[in-house]
PDB file of N, CA and C in Angstrom:
ATOM      1  N   MET A   1     190.525  57.429 -63.011  1.00  0.00           N
ATOM      2  CA  MET A   1     189.362  57.531 -63.860  1.00  0.00           C
ATOM      3  C   MET A   1     188.667  58.871 -63.655  1.00  0.00           C
ATOM      4  N   PRO A   2     189.254  59.942 -64.152  1.00  0.00           N
ATOM      5  CA  PRO A   2     188.623  61.241 -63.973  1.00  0.00           C
ATOM      6  C   PRO A   2     187.253  61.285 -64.636  1.00  0.00           C
ATOM      7  N   ASN A   3     186.359  62.042 -64.034  1.00  0.00           N
ATOM      8  CA  ASN A   3     185.049  62.265 -64.639  1.00  0.00           C
ATOM      9  C   ASN A   3     184.903  63.762 -64.878  1.00  0.00           C
ATOM     10  N   ASN A   4     183.762  64.181 -65.385  1.00  0.00           N
ATOM     11  CA  ASN A   4     183.579  65.596 -65.706  1.00  0.00           C
ATOM     12  C   ASN A   4     183.721  66.492 -64.487  1.00  0.00           C
ATOM     13  N   LEU A   5     183.188  66.071 -63.327  1.00  0.00           N
ATOM     14  CA  LEU A   5     183.311  66.874 -62.111  1.00  0.00           C
ATOM     15  C   LEU A   5     184.769  67.038 -61.719  1.00  0.00           C
ATOM     16  N   THR A   6     185.510  65.934 -61.731  1.00  0.00           N
ATOM     17  CA  THR A   6     186.928  65.990 -61.385  1.00  0.00           C
ATOM     18  C   THR A   6     187.668  66.894 -62.360  1.00  0.00           C
ATOM     19  N   GLU A   7     187.431  66.691 -63.637  1.00  0.00           N
ATOM     20  CA  GLU A   7     188.113  67.499 -64.650  1.00  0.00           C
ATOM     21  C   GLU A   7     187.778  68.977 -64.492  1.00  0.00           C
ATOM     22  N   GLU A   8     186.520  69.290 -64.199  1.00  0.00           N
ATOM     23  CA  GLU A   8     186.096  70.680 -64.023  1.00  0.00           C
ATOM     24  C   GLU A   8     186.769  71.313 -62.807  1.00  0.00           C
ATOM     25  N   LYS A   9     186.714  70.629 -61.679  1.00  0.00           N
ATOM     26  CA  LYS A   9     187.269  71.179 -60.433  1.00  0.00           C
ATOM     27  C   LYS A   9     188.786  71.286 -60.501  1.00  0.00           C
ATOM     28  N   VAL A  10     189.439  70.231 -60.949  1.00  0.00           N
ATOM     29  CA  VAL A  10     190.899  70.239 -61.030  1.00  0.00           C
ATOM     30  C   VAL A  10     191.353  71.220 -62.106  1.00  0.00           C
ATOM     31  N   GLY A  11     190.598  71.306 -63.178  1.00  0.00           N
ATOM     32  CA  GLY A  11     190.922  72.277 -64.232  1.00  0.00           C
ATOM     33  C   GLY A  11     190.873  73.705 -63.722  1.00  0.00           C
ATOM     34  N   ALA A  12     189.850  74.025 -62.935  1.00  0.00           N
ATOM     35  CA  ALA A  12     189.745  75.375 -62.361  1.00  0.00           C
ATOM     36  C   ALA A  12     190.923  75.650 -61.435  1.00  0.00           C
ATOM     37  N   TYR A  13     191.330  74.642 -60.663  1.00  0.00           N
ATOM     38  CA  TYR A  13     192.494  74.783 -59.778  1.00  0.00           C
ATOM     39  C   TYR A  13     193.753  75.070 -60.599  1.00  0.00           C
ATOM     40  N   LYS A  14     193.950  74.315 -61.665  1.00  0.00           N
ATOM     41  CA  LYS A  14     195.138  74.499 -62.499  1.00  0.00           C
ATOM     42  C   LYS A  14     195.159  75.877 -63.145  1.00  0.00           C
ATOM     43  N   ILE A  15     194.009  76.366 -63.556  1.00  0.00           N
ATOM     44  CA  ILE A  15     193.934  77.729 -64.110  1.00  0.00           C
ATOM     45  C   ILE A  15     194.336  78.737 -63.046  1.00  0.00           C
ATOM     46  N   GLY A  16     193.824  78.547 -61.837  1.00  0.00           N
ATOM     47  CA  GLY A  16     194.176  79.441 -60.735  1.00  0.00           C
ATOM     48  C   GLY A  16     195.666  79.420 -60.428  1.00  0.00           C
ATOM     49  N   VAL A  17     196.255  78.229 -60.436  1.00  0.00           N
ATOM     50  CA  VAL A  17     197.694  78.122 -60.199  1.00  0.00           C
ATOM     51  C   VAL A  17     198.453  78.817 -61.328  1.00  0.00           C
ATOM     52  N   GLY A  18     197.955  78.701 -62.542  1.00  0.00           N
ATOM     53  CA  GLY A  18     198.584  79.385 -63.672  1.00  0.00           C
ATOM     54  C   GLY A  18     198.596  80.897 -63.481  1.00  0.00           C
ATOM     55  N   HIS A  19     197.479  81.441 -62.969  1.00  0.00           N
ATOM     56  CA  HIS A  19     197.427  82.878 -62.693  1.00  0.00           C
ATOM     57  C   HIS A  19     198.405  83.245 -61.586  1.00  0.00           C
ATOM     58  N   LEU A  20     198.479  82.421 -60.551  1.00  0.00           N
ATOM     59  CA  LEU A  20     199.418  82.683 -59.466  1.00  0.00           C
ATOM     60  C   LEU A  20     200.852  82.632 -59.983  1.00  0.00           C
ATOM     61  N   GLN A  21     201.129  81.699 -60.870  1.00  0.00           N
ATOM     62  CA  GLN A  21     202.482  81.561 -61.405  1.00  0.00           C
ATOM     63  C   GLN A  21     202.907  82.799 -62.191  1.00  0.00           C
ATOM     64  N   GLU A  22     201.950  83.469 -62.816  1.00  0.00           N
ATOM     65  CA  GLU A  22     202.268  84.712 -63.532  1.00  0.00           C
ATOM     66  C   GLU A  22     202.816  85.765 -62.575  1.00  0.00           C
ATOM     67  N   HIS A  23     202.324  85.755 -61.335  1.00  0.00           N
ATOM     68  CA  HIS A  23     202.703  86.771 -60.362  1.00  0.00           C
ATOM     69  C   HIS A  23     203.806  86.313 -59.407  1.00  0.00           C
ATOM     70  N   ALA A  24     203.888  85.009 -59.172  1.00  0.00           N
ATOM     71  CA  ALA A  24     204.863  84.485 -58.212  1.00  0.00           C
ATOM     72  C   ALA A  24     205.419  83.153 -58.719  1.00  0.00           C
ATOM     73  N   PRO A  25     206.138  83.203 -59.832  1.00  0.00           N
ATOM     74  CA  PRO A  25     206.600  81.944 -60.433  1.00  0.00           C
ATOM     75  C   PRO A  25     207.536  81.151 -59.526  1.00  0.00           C
ATOM     76  N   GLY A  26     208.389  81.812 -58.799  1.00  0.00           N
ATOM     77  CA  GLY A  26     209.317  81.102 -57.913  1.00  0.00           C
ATOM     78  C   GLY A  26     208.592  80.352 -56.819  1.00  0.00           C
ATOM     79  N   MET A  27     207.553  80.960 -56.291  1.00  0.00           N
ATOM     80  CA  MET A  27     206.779  80.319 -55.224  1.00  0.00           C
ATOM     81  C   MET A  27     206.075  79.070 -55.758  1.00  0.00           C
ATOM     82  N   VAL A  28     205.463  79.173 -56.909  1.00  0.00           N
ATOM     83  CA  VAL A  28     204.750  78.029 -57.487  1.00  0.00           C
ATOM     84  C   VAL A  28     205.739  76.911 -57.810  1.00  0.00           C
ATOM     85  N   GLU A  29     206.883  77.262 -58.390  1.00  0.00           N
ATOM     86  CA  GLU A  29     207.885  76.247 -58.706  1.00  0.00           C
ATOM     87  C   GLU A  29     208.405  75.583 -57.440  1.00  0.00           C
ATOM     88  N   ALA A  30     208.644  76.352 -56.390  1.00  0.00           N
ATOM     89  CA  ALA A  30     209.123  75.793 -55.122  1.00  0.00           C
ATOM     90  C   ALA A  30     208.065  74.873 -54.515  1.00  0.00           C
ATOM     91  N   TYR A  31     206.804  75.282 -54.570  1.00  0.00           N
ATOM     92  CA  TYR A  31     205.720  74.444 -54.051  1.00  0.00           C
ATOM     93  C   TYR A  31     205.645  73.131 -54.823  1.00  0.00           C
ATOM     94  N   ASN A  32     205.746  73.199 -56.138  1.00  0.00           N
ATOM     95  CA  ASN A  32     205.683  71.990 -56.956  1.00  0.00           C
ATOM     96  C   ASN A  32     206.862  71.058 -56.673  1.00  0.00           C
ATOM     97  N   ARG A  33     208.063  71.615 -56.483  1.00  0.00           N
ATOM     98  CA  ARG A  33     209.221  70.781 -56.132  1.00  0.00           C
ATOM     99  C   ARG A  33     209.008  70.132 -54.771  1.00  0.00           C
ATOM    100  N   PHE A  34     208.518  70.924 -53.803  1.00  0.00           N
ATOM    101  CA  PHE A  34     208.281  70.423 -52.452  1.00  0.00           C
ATOM    102  C   PHE A  34     207.273  69.277 -52.464  1.00  0.00           C
ATOM    103  N   THR A  35     206.126  69.493 -53.093  1.00  0.00           N
ATOM    104  CA  THR A  35     205.116  68.433 -53.090  1.00  0.00           C
ATOM    105  C   THR A  35     205.595  67.218 -53.880  1.00  0.00           C
ATOM    106  N   GLY A  36     206.359  67.453 -54.950  1.00  0.00           N
ATOM    107  CA  GLY A  36     206.918  66.328 -55.703  1.00  0.00           C
ATOM    108  C   GLY A  36     207.816  65.464 -54.836  1.00  0.00           C
ATOM    109  N   GLU A  37     208.657  66.098 -54.040  1.00  0.00           N
ATOM    110  CA  GLU A  37     209.524  65.364 -53.117  1.00  0.00           C
ATOM    111  C   GLU A  37     208.705  64.633 -52.061  1.00  0.00           C
ATOM    112  N   CYS A  38     207.689  65.286 -51.535  1.00  0.00           N
ATOM    113  CA  CYS A  38     206.864  64.674 -50.482  1.00  0.00           C
ATOM    114  C   CYS A  38     206.150  63.426 -50.970  1.00  0.00           C
ATOM    115  N   PHE A  39     205.715  63.420 -52.222  1.00  0.00           N
ATOM    116  CA  PHE A  39     204.957  62.287 -52.752  1.00  0.00           C
ATOM    117  C   PHE A  39     205.826  61.252 -53.456  1.00  0.00           C
ATOM    118  N   ALA A  40     207.131  61.502 -53.520  1.00  0.00           N
ATOM    119  CA  ALA A  40     208.028  60.534 -54.150  1.00  0.00           C
ATOM    120  C   ALA A  40     208.126  59.273 -53.295  1.00  0.00           C
ATOM    121  N   GLU A  41     208.381  58.168 -53.968  1.00  0.00           N
ATOM    122  CA  GLU A  41     208.574  56.896 -53.273  1.00  0.00           C
ATOM    123  C   GLU A  41     209.707  57.052 -52.270  1.00  0.00           C
ATOM    124  N   GLY A  42     209.498  56.557 -51.074  1.00  0.00           N
ATOM    125  CA  GLY A  42     210.520  56.625 -50.028  1.00  0.00           C
ATOM    126  C   GLY A  42     210.266  55.544 -49.005  1.00  0.00           C
ATOM    127  N   ALA A  43     210.506  55.854 -47.730  1.00  0.00           N
ATOM    128  CA  ALA A  43     210.229  54.884 -46.667  1.00  0.00           C
ATOM    129  C   ALA A  43     208.741  54.529 -46.642  1.00  0.00           C
ATOM    130  N   VAL A  44     207.910  55.484 -47.042  1.00  0.00           N
ATOM    131  CA  VAL A  44     206.469  55.248 -47.189  1.00  0.00           C
ATOM    132  C   VAL A  44     206.193  55.150 -48.685  1.00  0.00           C
ATOM    133  N   ASP A  45     205.517  54.089 -49.088  1.00  0.00           N
ATOM    134  CA  ASP A  45     205.262  53.896 -50.520  1.00  0.00           C
ATOM    135  C   ASP A  45     204.260  54.927 -51.047  1.00  0.00           C
ATOM    136  N   ALA A  46     204.283  55.116 -52.362  1.00  0.00           N
ATOM    137  CA  ALA A  46     203.473  56.156 -53.011  1.00  0.00           C
ATOM    138  C   ALA A  46     201.976  55.957 -52.794  1.00  0.00           C
ATOM    139  N   LYS A  47     201.507  54.712 -52.812  1.00  0.00           N
ATOM    140  CA  LYS A  47     200.079  54.450 -52.601  1.00  0.00           C
ATOM    141  C   LYS A  47     199.667  54.895 -51.207  1.00  0.00           C
ATOM    142  N   THR A  48     200.450  54.543 -50.207  1.00  0.00           N
ATOM    143  CA  THR A  48     200.123  54.925 -48.830  1.00  0.00           C
ATOM    144  C   THR A  48     200.138  56.443 -48.677  1.00  0.00           C
ATOM    145  N   LYS A  49     201.092  57.107 -49.319  1.00  0.00           N
ATOM    146  CA  LYS A  49     201.137  58.571 -49.268  1.00  0.00           C
ATOM    147  C   LYS A  49     199.865  59.172 -49.846  1.00  0.00           C
ATOM    148  N   GLN A  50     199.369  58.598 -50.939  1.00  0.00           N
ATOM    149  CA  GLN A  50     198.137  59.112 -51.537  1.00  0.00           C
ATOM    150  C   GLN A  50     196.937  58.865 -50.633  1.00  0.00           C
ATOM    151  N   LEU A  51     196.913  57.727 -49.949  1.00  0.00           N
ATOM    152  CA  LEU A  51     195.817  57.452 -49.018  1.00  0.00           C
ATOM    153  C   LEU A  51     195.875  58.397 -47.814  1.00  0.00           C
ATOM    154  N   ILE A  52     197.069  58.673 -47.326  1.00  0.00           N
ATOM    155  CA  ILE A  52     197.219  59.649 -46.235  1.00  0.00           C
ATOM    156  C   ILE A  52     196.713  61.016 -46.694  1.00  0.00           C
ATOM    157  N   ALA A  53     197.131  61.415 -47.886  1.00  0.00           N
ATOM    158  CA  ALA A  53     196.715  62.713 -48.426  1.00  0.00           C
ATOM    159  C   ALA A  53     195.201  62.775 -48.604  1.00  0.00           C
ATOM    160  N   LEU A  54     194.603  61.673 -49.010  1.00  0.00           N
ATOM    161  CA  LEU A  54     193.149  61.622 -49.150  1.00  0.00           C
ATOM    162  C   LEU A  54     192.480  61.843 -47.800  1.00  0.00           C
ATOM    163  N   GLY A  55     192.950  61.143 -46.774  1.00  0.00           N
ATOM    164  CA  GLY A  55     192.367  61.313 -45.442  1.00  0.00           C
ATOM    165  C   GLY A  55     192.478  62.737 -44.943  1.00  0.00           C
ATOM    166  N   ILE A  56     193.627  63.344 -45.144  1.00  0.00           N
ATOM    167  CA  ILE A  56     193.817  64.736 -44.725  1.00  0.00           C
ATOM    168  C   ILE A  56     192.926  65.662 -45.544  1.00  0.00           C
ATOM    169  N   SER A  57     192.804  65.401 -46.829  1.00  0.00           N
ATOM    170  CA  SER A  57     191.947  66.222 -47.692  1.00  0.00           C
ATOM    171  C   SER A  57     190.498  66.173 -47.234  1.00  0.00           C
ATOM    172  N   LEU A  58     190.048  64.998 -46.858  1.00  0.00           N
ATOM    173  CA  LEU A  58     188.676  64.862 -46.354  1.00  0.00           C
ATOM    174  C   LEU A  58     188.506  65.628 -45.050  1.00  0.00           C
ATOM    175  N   PHE A  59     189.452  65.458 -44.144  1.00  0.00           N
ATOM    176  CA  PHE A  59     189.381  66.133 -42.854  1.00  0.00           C
ATOM    177  C   PHE A  59     189.394  67.653 -43.036  1.00  0.00           C
ATOM    178  N   ALA A  60     190.181  68.125 -44.000  1.00  0.00           N
ATOM    179  CA  ALA A  60     190.284  69.564 -44.268  1.00  0.00           C
ATOM    180  C   ALA A  60     189.132  70.074 -45.139  1.00  0.00           C
ATOM    181  N   ASN A  61     188.264  69.176 -45.597  1.00  0.00           N
ATOM    182  CA  ASN A  61     187.143  69.532 -46.462  1.00  0.00           C
ATOM    183  C   ASN A  61     187.615  70.209 -47.742  1.00  0.00           C
ATOM    184  N   ASN A  62     188.689  69.664 -48.332  1.00  0.00           N
ATOM    185  CA  ASN A  62     189.276  70.215 -49.544  1.00  0.00           C
ATOM    186  C   ASN A  62     188.830  69.358 -50.730  1.00  0.00           C
ATOM    187  N   GLU A  63     187.838  69.852 -51.448  1.00  0.00           N
ATOM    188  CA  GLU A  63     187.222  69.077 -52.536  1.00  0.00           C
ATOM    189  C   GLU A  63     188.200  68.737 -53.652  1.00  0.00           C
ATOM    190  N   VAL A  64     188.971  69.718 -54.096  1.00  0.00           N
ATOM    191  CA  VAL A  64     189.895  69.468 -55.207  1.00  0.00           C
ATOM    192  C   VAL A  64     190.926  68.423 -54.813  1.00  0.00           C
ATOM    193  N   CYS A  65     191.524  68.573 -53.628  1.00  0.00           N
ATOM    194  CA  CYS A  65     192.523  67.597 -53.190  1.00  0.00           C
ATOM    195  C   CYS A  65     191.902  66.222 -53.004  1.00  0.00           C
ATOM    196  N   THR A  66     190.674  66.159 -52.514  1.00  0.00           N
ATOM    197  CA  THR A  66     189.997  64.872 -52.368  1.00  0.00           C
ATOM    198  C   THR A  66     189.885  64.193 -53.731  1.00  0.00           C
ATOM    199  N   LEU A  67     189.413  64.909 -54.723  1.00  0.00           N
ATOM    200  CA  LEU A  67     189.267  64.344 -56.067  1.00  0.00           C
ATOM    201  C   LEU A  67     190.612  63.909 -56.639  1.00  0.00           C
ATOM    202  N   VAL A  68     191.619  64.745 -56.490  1.00  0.00           N
ATOM    203  CA  VAL A  68     192.948  64.430 -57.012  1.00  0.00           C
ATOM    204  C   VAL A  68     193.511  63.179 -56.333  1.00  0.00           C
ATOM    205  N   HIS A  69     193.423  63.132 -55.000  1.00  0.00           N
ATOM    206  CA  HIS A  69     194.067  62.029 -54.284  1.00  0.00           C
ATOM    207  C   HIS A  69     193.320  60.711 -54.437  1.00  0.00           C
ATOM    208  N   VAL A  70     192.012  60.745 -54.683  1.00  0.00           N
ATOM    209  CA  VAL A  70     191.310  59.499 -55.033  1.00  0.00           C
ATOM    210  C   VAL A  70     191.893  58.963 -56.334  1.00  0.00           C
ATOM    211  N   ASN A  71     192.008  59.813 -57.333  1.00  0.00           N
ATOM    212  CA  ASN A  71     192.534  59.392 -58.627  1.00  0.00           C
ATOM    213  C   ASN A  71     193.990  58.963 -58.535  1.00  0.00           C
ATOM    214  N   GLU A  72     194.801  59.705 -57.788  1.00  0.00           N
ATOM    215  CA  GLU A  72     196.211  59.344 -57.629  1.00  0.00           C
ATOM    216  C   GLU A  72     196.352  58.018 -56.887  1.00  0.00           C
ATOM    217  N   ALA A  73     195.528  57.808 -55.847  1.00  0.00           N
ATOM    218  CA  ALA A  73     195.576  56.542 -55.107  1.00  0.00           C
ATOM    219  C   ALA A  73     195.228  55.379 -56.030  1.00  0.00           C
ATOM    220  N   LEU A  74     194.210  55.562 -56.865  1.00  0.00           N
ATOM    221  CA  LEU A  74     193.858  54.517 -57.832  1.00  0.00           C
ATOM    222  C   LEU A  74     195.018  54.239 -58.781  1.00  0.00           C
ATOM    223  N   GLN A  75     195.663  55.299 -59.255  1.00  0.00           N
ATOM    224  CA  GLN A  75     196.801  55.129 -60.172  1.00  0.00           C
ATOM    225  C   GLN A  75     197.967  54.416 -59.493  1.00  0.00           C
ATOM    226  N   GLU A  76     198.094  54.586 -58.178  1.00  0.00           N
ATOM    227  CA  GLU A  76     199.174  53.927 -57.433  1.00  0.00           C
ATOM    228  C   GLU A  76     198.792  52.513 -56.998  1.00  0.00           C
ATOM    229  N   GLY A  77     197.600  52.060 -57.410  1.00  0.00           N
ATOM    230  CA  GLY A  77     197.209  50.689 -57.153  1.00  0.00           C
ATOM    231  C   GLY A  77     196.275  50.469 -55.980  1.00  0.00           C
ATOM    232  N   ALA A  78     195.754  51.542 -55.393  1.00  0.00           N
ATOM    233  CA  ALA A  78     194.813  51.385 -54.285  1.00  0.00           C
ATOM    234  C   ALA A  78     193.503  50.801 -54.787  1.00  0.00           C
ATOM    235  N   SER A  79     192.918  49.956 -53.976  1.00  0.00           N
ATOM    236  CA  SER A  79     191.620  49.384 -54.315  1.00  0.00           C
ATOM    237  C   SER A  79     190.514  50.299 -53.787  1.00  0.00           C
ATOM    238  N   SER A  80     189.316  50.086 -54.277  1.00  0.00           N
ATOM    239  CA  SER A  80     188.163  50.824 -53.757  1.00  0.00           C
ATOM    240  C   SER A  80     188.005  50.581 -52.268  1.00  0.00           C
ATOM    241  N   GLU A  81     188.268  49.357 -51.827  1.00  0.00           N
ATOM    242  CA  GLU A  81     188.159  49.030 -50.403  1.00  0.00           C
ATOM    243  C   GLU A  81     189.162  49.828 -49.575  1.00  0.00           C
ATOM    244  N   GLU A  82     190.393  49.956 -50.067  1.00  0.00           N
ATOM    245  CA  GLU A  82     191.410  50.732 -49.344  1.00  0.00           C
ATOM    246  C   GLU A  82     191.014  52.205 -49.279  1.00  0.00           C
ATOM    247  N   ILE A  83     190.474  52.716 -50.370  1.00  0.00           N
ATOM    248  CA  ILE A  83     190.054  54.114 -50.400  1.00  0.00           C
ATOM    249  C   ILE A  83     188.906  54.346 -49.427  1.00  0.00           C
ATOM    250  N   MET A  84     187.926  53.454 -49.423  1.00  0.00           N
ATOM    251  CA  MET A  84     186.790  53.625 -48.515  1.00  0.00           C
ATOM    252  C   MET A  84     187.192  53.430 -47.057  1.00  0.00           C
ATOM    253  N   GLU A  85     188.151  52.568 -46.796  1.00  0.00           N
ATOM    254  CA  GLU A  85     188.660  52.418 -45.430  1.00  0.00           C
ATOM    255  C   GLU A  85     189.371  53.693 -44.995  1.00  0.00           C
ATOM    256  N   THR A  86     190.056  54.337 -45.917  1.00  0.00           N
ATOM    257  CA  THR A  86     190.680  55.627 -45.633  1.00  0.00           C
ATOM    258  C   THR A  86     189.617  56.659 -45.274  1.00  0.00           C
ATOM    259  N   VAL A  87     188.497  56.636 -45.985  1.00  0.00           N
ATOM    260  CA  VAL A  87     187.372  57.527 -45.663  1.00  0.00           C
ATOM    261  C   VAL A  87     186.912  57.280 -44.231  1.00  0.00           C
ATOM    262  N   ALA A  88     186.789  56.019 -43.851  1.00  0.00           N
ATOM    263  CA  ALA A  88     186.345  55.685 -42.499  1.00  0.00           C
ATOM    264  C   ALA A  88     187.340  56.172 -41.448  1.00  0.00           C
ATOM    265  N   VAL A  89     188.628  56.015 -41.719  1.00  0.00           N
ATOM    266  CA  VAL A  89     189.645  56.495 -40.773  1.00  0.00           C
ATOM    267  C   VAL A  89     189.558  58.010 -40.635  1.00  0.00           C
ATOM    268  N   ALA A  90     189.388  58.720 -41.753  1.00  0.00           N
ATOM    269  CA  ALA A  90     189.246  60.174 -41.696  1.00  0.00           C
ATOM    270  C   ALA A  90     188.019  60.569 -40.885  1.00  0.00           C
ATOM    271  N   ALA A  91     186.932  59.816 -41.040  1.00  0.00           N
ATOM    272  CA  ALA A  91     185.717  60.091 -40.262  1.00  0.00           C
ATOM    273  C   ALA A  91     185.958  59.860 -38.779  1.00  0.00           C
ATOM    274  N   ALA A  92     186.708  58.817 -38.454  1.00  0.00           N
ATOM    275  CA  ALA A  92     187.019  58.547 -37.043  1.00  0.00           C
ATOM    276  C   ALA A  92     187.880  59.660 -36.457  1.00  0.00           C
ATOM    277  N   VAL A  93     188.852  60.119 -37.225  1.00  0.00           N
ATOM    278  CA  VAL A  93     189.708  61.207 -36.751  1.00  0.00           C
ATOM    279  C   VAL A  93     188.889  62.482 -36.577  1.00  0.00           C
ATOM    280  N   GLY A  94     188.004  62.765 -37.539  1.00  0.00           N
ATOM    281  CA  GLY A  94     187.141  63.945 -37.430  1.00  0.00           C
ATOM    282  C   GLY A  94     186.226  63.864 -36.228  1.00  0.00           C
ATOM    283  N   GLY A  95     185.656  62.687 -35.995  1.00  0.00           N
ATOM    284  CA  GLY A  95     184.810  62.499 -34.824  1.00  0.00           C
ATOM    285  C   GLY A  95     185.614  62.592 -33.542  1.00  0.00           C
ATOM    286  N   GLY A  96     186.811  62.041 -33.576  1.00  0.00           N
ATOM    287  CA  GLY A  96     187.702  62.126 -32.417  1.00  0.00           C
ATOM    288  C   GLY A  96     188.093  63.552 -32.108  1.00  0.00           C
ATOM    289  N   HIS A  97     188.273  64.335 -33.147  1.00  0.00           N
ATOM    290  CA  HIS A  97     188.606  65.749 -32.976  1.00  0.00           C
ATOM    291  C   HIS A  97     187.469  66.467 -32.255  1.00  0.00           C
ATOM    292  N   ALA A  98     186.254  66.248 -32.702  1.00  0.00           N
ATOM    293  CA  ALA A  98     185.102  66.875 -32.049  1.00  0.00           C
ATOM    294  C   ALA A  98     184.955  66.378 -30.615  1.00  0.00           C
ATOM    295  N   MET A  99     185.167  65.087 -30.399  1.00  0.00           N
ATOM    296  CA  MET A  99     185.065  64.534 -29.055  1.00  0.00           C
ATOM    297  C   MET A  99     186.124  65.134 -28.136  1.00  0.00           C
ATOM    298  N   SER A 100     187.365  65.209 -28.611  1.00  0.00           N
ATOM    299  CA  SER A 100     188.423  65.734 -27.749  1.00  0.00           C
ATOM    300  C   SER A 100     188.174  67.189 -27.383  1.00  0.00           C
ATOM    301  N   GLN A 101     187.647  67.958 -28.327  1.00  0.00           N
ATOM    302  CA  GLN A 101     187.331  69.353 -28.026  1.00  0.00           C
ATOM    303  C   GLN A 101     186.132  69.448 -27.093  1.00  0.00           C
ATOM    304  N   GLY A 102     185.181  68.557 -27.279  1.00  0.00           N
ATOM    305  CA  GLY A 102     183.985  68.552 -26.438  1.00  0.00           C
ATOM    306  C   GLY A 102     184.290  68.231 -24.994  1.00  0.00           C
ATOM    307  N   VAL A 103     185.207  67.312 -24.766  1.00  0.00           N
ATOM    308  CA  VAL A 103     185.498  66.925 -23.385  1.00  0.00           C
ATOM    309  C   VAL A 103     186.574  67.800 -22.745  1.00  0.00           C
ATOM    310  N   THR A 104     187.182  68.691 -23.510  1.00  0.00           N
ATOM    311  CA  THR A 104     188.197  69.584 -22.930  1.00  0.00           C
ATOM    312  C   THR A 104     187.729  71.035 -22.994  1.00  0.00           C
ATOM    313  N   ARG A 105     187.763  71.636 -24.138  1.00  0.00           N
ATOM    314  CA  ARG A 105     187.433  73.061 -24.261  1.00  0.00           C
ATOM    315  C   ARG A 105     185.996  73.373 -23.842  1.00  0.00           C
ATOM    316  N   VAL A 106     185.059  72.576 -24.309  1.00  0.00           N
ATOM    317  CA  VAL A 106     183.661  72.835 -23.962  1.00  0.00           C
ATOM    318  C   VAL A 106     183.462  72.678 -22.459  1.00  0.00           C
ATOM    319  N   GLN A 107     184.068  71.650 -21.883  1.00  0.00           N
ATOM    320  CA  GLN A 107     183.947  71.452 -20.434  1.00  0.00           C
ATOM    321  C   GLN A 107     184.575  72.619 -19.683  1.00  0.00           C
ATOM    322  N   GLN A 108     185.702  73.114 -20.163  1.00  0.00           N
ATOM    323  CA  GLN A 108     186.335  74.284 -19.535  1.00  0.00           C
ATOM    324  C   GLN A 108     185.425  75.502 -19.627  1.00  0.00           C
ATOM    325  N   ALA A 109     184.788  75.698 -20.780  1.00  0.00           N
ATOM    326  CA  ALA A 109     183.883  76.839 -20.947  1.00  0.00           C
ATOM    327  C   ALA A 109     182.680  76.700 -20.023  1.00  0.00           C
ATOM    328  N   LEU A 110     182.153  75.487 -19.898  1.00  0.00           N
ATOM    329  CA  LEU A 110     181.022  75.270 -18.995  1.00  0.00           C
ATOM    330  C   LEU A 110     181.426  75.540 -17.540  1.00  0.00           C
ATOM    331  N   SER A 111     182.566  75.054 -17.153  1.00  0.00           N
ATOM    332  CA  SER A 111     183.047  75.280 -15.781  1.00  0.00           C
ATOM    333  C   SER A 111     183.239  76.756 -15.517  1.00  0.00           C
ATOM    334  N   SER A 112     183.781  77.462 -16.479  1.00  0.00           N
ATOM    335  CA  SER A 112     184.001  78.900 -16.337  1.00  0.00           C
ATOM    336  C   SER A 112     182.670  79.633 -16.241  1.00  0.00           C
ATOM    337  N   ALA A 113     181.716  79.246 -17.097  1.00  0.00           N
ATOM    338  CA  ALA A 113     180.397  79.891 -17.086  1.00  0.00           C
ATOM    339  C   ALA A 113     179.669  79.613 -15.762  1.00  0.00           C
ATOM    340  N   GLU A 114     179.796  78.381 -15.276  1.00  0.00           N
ATOM    341  CA  GLU A 114     179.140  78.034 -14.007  1.00  0.00           C
ATOM    342  C   GLU A 114     179.735  78.812 -12.835  1.00  0.00           C
ATOM    343  N   SER A 115     181.066  78.968 -12.836  1.00  0.00           N
ATOM    344  CA  SER A 115     181.690  79.699 -11.733  1.00  0.00           C
ATOM    345  C   SER A 115     181.361  81.191 -11.814  1.00  0.00           C
ATOM    346  N   THR A 116     181.222  81.718 -13.025  1.00  0.00           N
ATOM    347  CA  THR A 116     180.848  83.121 -13.190  1.00  0.00           C
ATOM    348  C   THR A 116     179.420  83.351 -12.748  1.00  0.00           C
ATOM    349  N   SER A 117     178.509  82.458 -13.105  1.00  0.00           N
ATOM    350  CA  SER A 117     177.108  82.626 -12.739  1.00  0.00           C
ATOM    351  C   SER A 117     176.875  82.401 -11.247  1.00  0.00           C
ATOM    352  N   SER A 118     177.665  81.555 -10.612  1.00  0.00           N
ATOM    353  CA  SER A 118     177.481  81.314  -9.181  1.00  0.00           C
ATOM    354  C   SER A 118     178.044  82.460  -8.337  1.00  0.00           C
ATOM    355  N   SER A 119     178.931  83.278  -8.918  1.00  0.00           N
ATOM    356  CA  SER A 119     179.484  84.396  -8.165  1.00  0.00           C
ATOM    357  C   SER A 119     178.600  85.635  -8.278  1.00  0.00           C
ATOM    358  N   HIS A 120     177.541  85.580  -9.061  1.00  0.00           N
ATOM    359  CA  HIS A 120     176.636  86.731  -9.198  1.00  0.00           C
ATOM    360  C   HIS A 120     175.390  86.542  -8.404  1.00  0.00           C
TER     361      HIS A 120
END
């Protein structure tokens, strides 16, 4: 169920891809074949692939892909509940990412700063 925002954003993306295709048609065609293969029905069904793509799009803060994959997931039969649960999983992964960096890299930086300041 595209709306004006989706149509506007995705339309701008398609125009941009069209410009890229003028300069690098082989690359655009190869990318389209690659993504077509990735999203084709296989061991993982098409709906699940769209939900995975939605979660990654959210984590990557990619607005166009988020809009596209919500619509594609709906077309593949995903319910609103499944889509919103995917949002929650993406939020958990994003929070987990910040937590893992906080308890590793930040702690390492603090330890390094403390050892540097104590040696002065």
